[in-house]
């Protein structure tokens, strides 16, 4: 299943008639914060594979790359966005070419946390989803990624829920 913010962004694209438009011709684009997870050290990756790395903390993201990428898009430049593999917890060598657009829908768990990035936004929308729905979506998504239920629930109670309460809630 899709996270609520992704679903909302896709619905906006659909309502604006942009979801069927070829990427180079789009006036609106969706950019996911998930693309900007940091490259993990071997030790961090080992922790991640055991569900013991906090992907929901602001330090999990490459904020400099995220900021420069957004800045370049806003300035009308074509950029290459990293591709993150959630099964191996690694950034792939492949990137996605993103063309400039009039509207950028930047979605993710901590898009409002970094002040420099937040200041680039003209409009902010916080999607509040019931915590039971968030957990059930996470369980379904992570089980599809090959994780076991115990690991998912431990990660949720140890990292996800506390980080949401500390860093995400308005």
C-alpha atoms as a PDB file:
ATOM      1  CA  UNK A   1       0.000   0.000   0.000  1.00  0.00           C
ATOM      2  CA  UNK A   2       1.024   3.601  -0.492  1.00  0.00           C
ATOM      3  CA  UNK A   3       1.723   6.028   2.342  1.00  0.00           C
ATOM      4  CA  UNK A   4      -0.984   8.673   2.730  1.00  0.00           C
ATOM      5  CA  UNK A   5       1.228  11.517   1.490  1.00  0.00           C
ATOM      6  CA  UNK A   6       2.063   9.582  -1.696  1.00  0.00           C
ATOM      7  CA  UNK A   7      -1.614   8.860  -2.265  1.00  0.00           C
ATOM      8  CA  UNK A   8      -2.484  12.542  -1.834  1.00  0.00           C
ATOM      9  CA  UNK A   9       0.271  13.611  -4.246  1.00  0.00           C
ATOM     10  CA  UNK A  10      -0.873  11.091  -6.850  1.00  0.00           C
ATOM     11  CA  UNK A  11      -4.458  12.340  -6.499  1.00  0.00           C
ATOM     12  CA  UNK A  12      -3.283  15.945  -7.008  1.00  0.00           C
ATOM     13  CA  UNK A  13      -1.418  14.854 -10.152  1.00  0.00           C
ATOM     14  CA  UNK A  14      -4.548  13.105 -11.405  1.00  0.00           C
ATOM     15  CA  UNK A  15      -6.819  16.096 -10.691  1.00  0.00           C
ATOM     16  CA  UNK A  16      -4.405  18.386 -12.519  1.00  0.00           C
ATOM     17  CA  UNK A  17      -4.318  16.008 -15.485  1.00  0.00           C
ATOM     18  CA  UNK A  18      -0.589  15.394 -15.081  1.00  0.00           C
ATOM     19  CA  UNK A  19      -0.461  11.672 -14.276  1.00  0.00           C
ATOM     20  CA  UNK A  20      -0.629  10.597 -17.930  1.00  0.00           C
ATOM     21  CA  UNK A  21       1.700  13.313 -19.243  1.00  0.00           C
ATOM     22  CA  UNK A  22       5.215  12.316 -20.381  1.00  0.00           C
ATOM     23  CA  UNK A  23       7.717  13.309 -17.696  1.00  0.00           C
ATOM     24  CA  UNK A  24       9.532  15.938 -19.793  1.00  0.00           C
ATOM     25  CA  UNK A  25       6.227  17.704 -20.471  1.00  0.00           C
ATOM     26  CA  UNK A  26       4.829  17.701 -16.943  1.00  0.00           C
ATOM     27  CA  UNK A  27       3.986  20.937 -15.176  1.00  0.00           C
ATOM     28  CA  UNK A  28       3.801  19.076 -11.841  1.00  0.00           C
ATOM     29  CA  UNK A  29       6.179  16.465 -10.448  1.00  0.00           C
ATOM     30  CA  UNK A  30       6.313  14.312  -7.353  1.00  0.00           C
ATOM     31  CA  UNK A  31       9.644  14.053  -5.579  1.00  0.00           C
ATOM     32  CA  UNK A  32       9.982  11.669  -2.644  1.00  0.00           C
ATOM     33  CA  UNK A  33      12.157  12.325   0.370  1.00  0.00           C
ATOM     34  CA  UNK A  34      12.804   8.561   0.401  1.00  0.00           C
ATOM     35  CA  UNK A  35      15.215   9.076  -2.500  1.00  0.00           C
ATOM     36  CA  UNK A  36      17.546  10.982  -0.191  1.00  0.00           C
ATOM     37  CA  UNK A  37      18.386   8.442   2.489  1.00  0.00           C
ATOM     38  CA  UNK A  38      22.092   8.599   3.287  1.00  0.00           C
ATOM     39  CA  UNK A  39      24.515   5.985   2.060  1.00  0.00           C
ATOM     40  CA  UNK A  40      24.966   3.714   5.068  1.00  0.00           C
ATOM     41  CA  UNK A  41      28.253   2.498   6.464  1.00  0.00           C
ATOM     42  CA  UNK A  42      28.717  -1.282   6.675  1.00  0.00           C
ATOM     43  CA  UNK A  43      27.861  -1.139  10.384  1.00  0.00           C
ATOM     44  CA  UNK A  44      24.708   0.925   9.776  1.00  0.00           C
ATOM     45  CA  UNK A  45      23.631  -1.382   6.958  1.00  0.00           C
ATOM     46  CA  UNK A  46      24.042  -4.438   9.208  1.00  0.00           C
ATOM     47  CA  UNK A  47      21.840  -2.722  11.802  1.00  0.00           C
ATOM     48  CA  UNK A  48      19.300  -1.812   9.113  1.00  0.00           C
ATOM     49  CA  UNK A  49      19.038  -5.412   7.942  1.00  0.00           C
ATOM     50  CA  UNK A  50      18.142  -6.382  11.527  1.00  0.00           C
ATOM     51  CA  UNK A  51      15.614  -3.540  11.857  1.00  0.00           C
ATOM     52  CA  UNK A  52      17.871  -1.707  14.306  1.00  0.00           C
ATOM     53  CA  UNK A  53      18.622   1.451  12.301  1.00  0.00           C
ATOM     54  CA  UNK A  54      16.469   4.555  12.712  1.00  0.00           C
ATOM     55  CA  UNK A  55      15.316   5.594   9.225  1.00  0.00           C
ATOM     56  CA  UNK A  56      12.788   7.958  10.811  1.00  0.00           C
ATOM     57  CA  UNK A  57      15.350  10.322  12.338  1.00  0.00           C
ATOM     58  CA  UNK A  58      16.371  13.526  10.503  1.00  0.00           C
ATOM     59  CA  UNK A  59      19.992  12.335  10.442  1.00  0.00           C
ATOM     60  CA  UNK A  60      19.001   9.390   8.216  1.00  0.00           C
ATOM     61  CA  UNK A  61      18.669  11.768   5.251  1.00  0.00           C
ATOM     62  CA  UNK A  62      21.279  13.453   3.079  1.00  0.00           C
ATOM     63  CA  UNK A  63      19.875  16.929   3.721  1.00  0.00           C
ATOM     64  CA  UNK A  64      22.565  18.715   1.690  1.00  0.00           C
ATOM     65  CA  UNK A  65      21.804  16.644  -1.412  1.00  0.00           C
ATOM     66  CA  UNK A  66      18.072  17.031  -0.813  1.00  0.00           C
ATOM     67  CA  UNK A  67      18.384  20.821  -0.525  1.00  0.00           C
ATOM     68  CA  UNK A  68      20.623  21.223  -3.583  1.00  0.00           C
ATOM     69  CA  UNK A  69      18.368  18.968  -5.676  1.00  0.00           C
ATOM     70  CA  UNK A  70      15.248  20.924  -4.740  1.00  0.00           C
ATOM     71  CA  UNK A  71      17.060  24.221  -5.311  1.00  0.00           C
ATOM     72  CA  UNK A  72      18.163  23.116  -8.783  1.00  0.00           C
ATOM     73  CA  UNK A  73      14.638  22.021  -9.715  1.00  0.00           C
ATOM     74  CA  UNK A  74      13.228  25.349  -8.508  1.00  0.00           C
ATOM     75  CA  UNK A  75      15.873  27.113 -10.620  1.00  0.00           C
ATOM     76  CA  UNK A  76      14.626  25.223 -13.688  1.00  0.00           C
ATOM     77  CA  UNK A  77      17.482  22.741 -13.945  1.00  0.00           C
ATOM     78  CA  UNK A  78      17.296  19.063 -14.828  1.00  0.00           C
ATOM     79  CA  UNK A  79      18.607  16.908 -11.977  1.00  0.00           C
ATOM     80  CA  UNK A  80      19.505  13.310 -11.245  1.00  0.00           C
ATOM     81  CA  UNK A  81      17.715  11.931  -8.196  1.00  0.00           C
ATOM     82  CA  UNK A  82      19.176   8.972  -6.301  1.00  0.00           C
ATOM     83  CA  UNK A  83      17.364   5.636  -6.258  1.00  0.00           C
ATOM     84  CA  UNK A  84      17.085   3.931  -2.878  1.00  0.00           C
ATOM     85  CA  UNK A  85      16.614   0.174  -2.472  1.00  0.00           C
ATOM     86  CA  UNK A  86      14.508  -0.559   0.616  1.00  0.00           C
ATOM     87  CA  UNK A  87      15.238  -4.278   0.551  1.00  0.00           C
ATOM     88  CA  UNK A  88      19.030  -3.914   0.741  1.00  0.00           C
ATOM     89  CA  UNK A  89      18.974  -0.498   2.473  1.00  0.00           C
ATOM     90  CA  UNK A  90      21.345   0.963  -0.063  1.00  0.00           C
ATOM     91  CA  UNK A  91      21.503   3.730  -2.638  1.00  0.00           C
ATOM     92  CA  UNK A  92      21.706   2.254  -6.115  1.00  0.00           C
ATOM     93  CA  UNK A  93      24.080   3.420  -8.832  1.00  0.00           C
ATOM     94  CA  UNK A  94      21.076   4.180 -11.052  1.00  0.00           C
ATOM     95  CA  UNK A  95      19.514   7.612 -10.790  1.00  0.00           C
ATOM     96  CA  UNK A  96      16.283   9.075 -12.120  1.00  0.00           C
ATOM     97  CA  UNK A  97      16.455  12.122 -14.359  1.00  0.00           C
ATOM     98  CA  UNK A  98      13.946  14.714 -13.167  1.00  0.00           C
ATOM     99  CA  UNK A  99      13.018  17.620 -15.391  1.00  0.00           C
ATOM    100  CA  UNK A 100      12.011  21.012 -14.008  1.00  0.00           C
ATOM    101  CA  UNK A 101       8.315  21.654 -13.419  1.00  0.00           C
ATOM    102  CA  UNK A 102       6.162  24.566 -12.335  1.00  0.00           C
ATOM    103  CA  UNK A 103       4.972  22.689  -9.241  1.00  0.00           C
ATOM    104  CA  UNK A 104       6.993  20.255  -7.125  1.00  0.00           C
ATOM    105  CA  UNK A 105       5.089  17.993  -4.740  1.00  0.00           C
ATOM    106  CA  UNK A 106       7.786  17.003  -2.253  1.00  0.00           C
ATOM    107  CA  UNK A 107       6.522  14.203  -0.041  1.00  0.00           C
ATOM    108  CA  UNK A 108       7.977  12.286   2.862  1.00  0.00           C
ATOM    109  CA  UNK A 109       8.010  11.746   6.586  1.00  0.00           C
ATOM    110  CA  UNK A 110      10.297  14.633   7.510  1.00  0.00           C
ATOM    111  CA  UNK A 111       9.887  17.155   4.693  1.00  0.00           C
ATOM    112  CA  UNK A 112       9.004  19.901   7.184  1.00  0.00           C
ATOM    113  CA  UNK A 113      11.843  19.222   9.622  1.00  0.00           C
ATOM    114  CA  UNK A 114      14.776  21.000   7.941  1.00  0.00           C
ATOM    115  CA  UNK A 115      14.249  24.779   8.088  1.00  0.00           C
ATOM    116  CA  UNK A 116      16.223  25.534   4.890  1.00  0.00           C
ATOM    117  CA  UNK A 117      14.174  23.025   2.930  1.00  0.00           C
ATOM    118  CA  UNK A 118      10.891  24.044   4.537  1.00  0.00           C
ATOM    119  CA  UNK A 119      11.556  27.686   3.605  1.00  0.00           C
ATOM    120  CA  UNK A 120      11.595  26.694  -0.085  1.00  0.00           C
ATOM    121  CA  UNK A 121       7.930  25.636   0.038  1.00  0.00           C
ATOM    122  CA  UNK A 122       5.173  27.980  -1.105  1.00  0.00           C
ATOM    123  CA  UNK A 123       2.465  25.759   0.345  1.00  0.00           C
ATOM    124  CA  UNK A 124       2.584  23.081   3.031  1.00  0.00           C
ATOM    125  CA  UNK A 125       0.151  20.242   3.550  1.00  0.00           C
ATOM    126  CA  UNK A 126       0.352  17.865   6.502  1.00  0.00           C
ATOM    127  CA  UNK A 127      -1.559  14.616   5.960  1.00  0.00           C
ATOM    128  CA  UNK A 128      -2.694  13.229   9.307  1.00  0.00           C
ATOM    129  CA  UNK A 129      -3.568   9.549   9.163  1.00  0.00           C
ATOM    130  CA  UNK A 130      -4.847   7.476  12.065  1.00  0.00           C
ATOM    131  CA  UNK A 131      -1.976   5.700  13.838  1.00  0.00           C
ATOM    132  CA  UNK A 132      -3.598   2.275  13.378  1.00  0.00           C
ATOM    133  CA  UNK A 133      -3.830   2.903   9.637  1.00  0.00           C
ATOM    134  CA  UNK A 134      -0.177   4.042   9.531  1.00  0.00           C
ATOM    135  CA  UNK A 135       0.908   0.884  11.345  1.00  0.00           C
ATOM    136  CA  UNK A 136      -1.164  -1.479   9.197  1.00  0.00           C
ATOM    137  CA  UNK A 137       0.149   0.119   5.973  1.00  0.00           C
ATOM    138  CA  UNK A 138       3.712  -0.204   7.264  1.00  0.00           C
ATOM    139  CA  UNK A 139       3.224  -3.864   8.186  1.00  0.00           C
ATOM    140  CA  UNK A 140       1.832  -4.714   4.741  1.00  0.00           C
ATOM    141  CA  UNK A 141       4.549  -2.731   2.930  1.00  0.00           C
ATOM    142  CA  UNK A 142       7.457  -4.103   4.960  1.00  0.00           C
ATOM    143  CA  UNK A 143       6.250  -7.707   4.776  1.00  0.00           C
ATOM    144  CA  UNK A 144       6.270  -7.335   0.976  1.00  0.00           C
ATOM    145  CA  UNK A 145       9.898  -6.231   1.366  1.00  0.00           C
ATOM    146  CA  UNK A 146      10.708  -9.509   3.116  1.00  0.00           C
ATOM    147  CA  UNK A 147      10.716  -8.371   6.731  1.00  0.00           C
ATOM    148  CA  UNK A 148       9.124 -10.385   9.511  1.00  0.00           C
ATOM    149  CA  UNK A 149       6.301  -9.083  11.691  1.00  0.00           C
ATOM    150  CA  UNK A 150       8.284  -9.030  14.936  1.00  0.00           C
ATOM    151  CA  UNK A 151      11.028  -6.911  13.350  1.00  0.00           C
ATOM    152  CA  UNK A 152       8.457  -4.522  11.862  1.00  0.00           C
ATOM    153  CA  UNK A 153       6.647  -4.038  15.178  1.00  0.00           C
ATOM    154  CA  UNK A 154       9.900  -3.601  17.103  1.00  0.00           C
ATOM    155  CA  UNK A 155      11.101  -0.999  14.608  1.00  0.00           C
ATOM    156  CA  UNK A 156       7.737   0.774  14.805  1.00  0.00           C
ATOM    157  CA  UNK A 157       7.706   1.021  18.607  1.00  0.00           C
ATOM    158  CA  UNK A 158      11.434   1.775  18.912  1.00  0.00           C
ATOM    159  CA  UNK A 159      11.926   4.260  16.077  1.00  0.00           C
ATOM    160  CA  UNK A 160       8.899   5.077  13.931  1.00  0.00           C
ATOM    161  CA  UNK A 161       6.283   6.111  16.485  1.00  0.00           C
ATOM    162  CA  UNK A 162       8.683   8.093  18.741  1.00  0.00           C
ATOM    163  CA  UNK A 163      10.197   9.883  15.711  1.00  0.00           C
ATOM    164  CA  UNK A 164       6.746  10.722  14.372  1.00  0.00           C
ATOM    165  CA  UNK A 165       5.789  12.252  17.710  1.00  0.00           C
ATOM    166  CA  UNK A 166       9.076  14.153  18.084  1.00  0.00           C
ATOM    167  CA  UNK A 167       9.822  15.313  14.531  1.00  0.00           C
ATOM    168  CA  UNK A 168       6.678  15.070  12.388  1.00  0.00           C
ATOM    169  CA  UNK A 169       3.641  16.236  14.293  1.00  0.00           C
ATOM    170  CA  UNK A 170       2.910  19.928  13.712  1.00  0.00           C
END
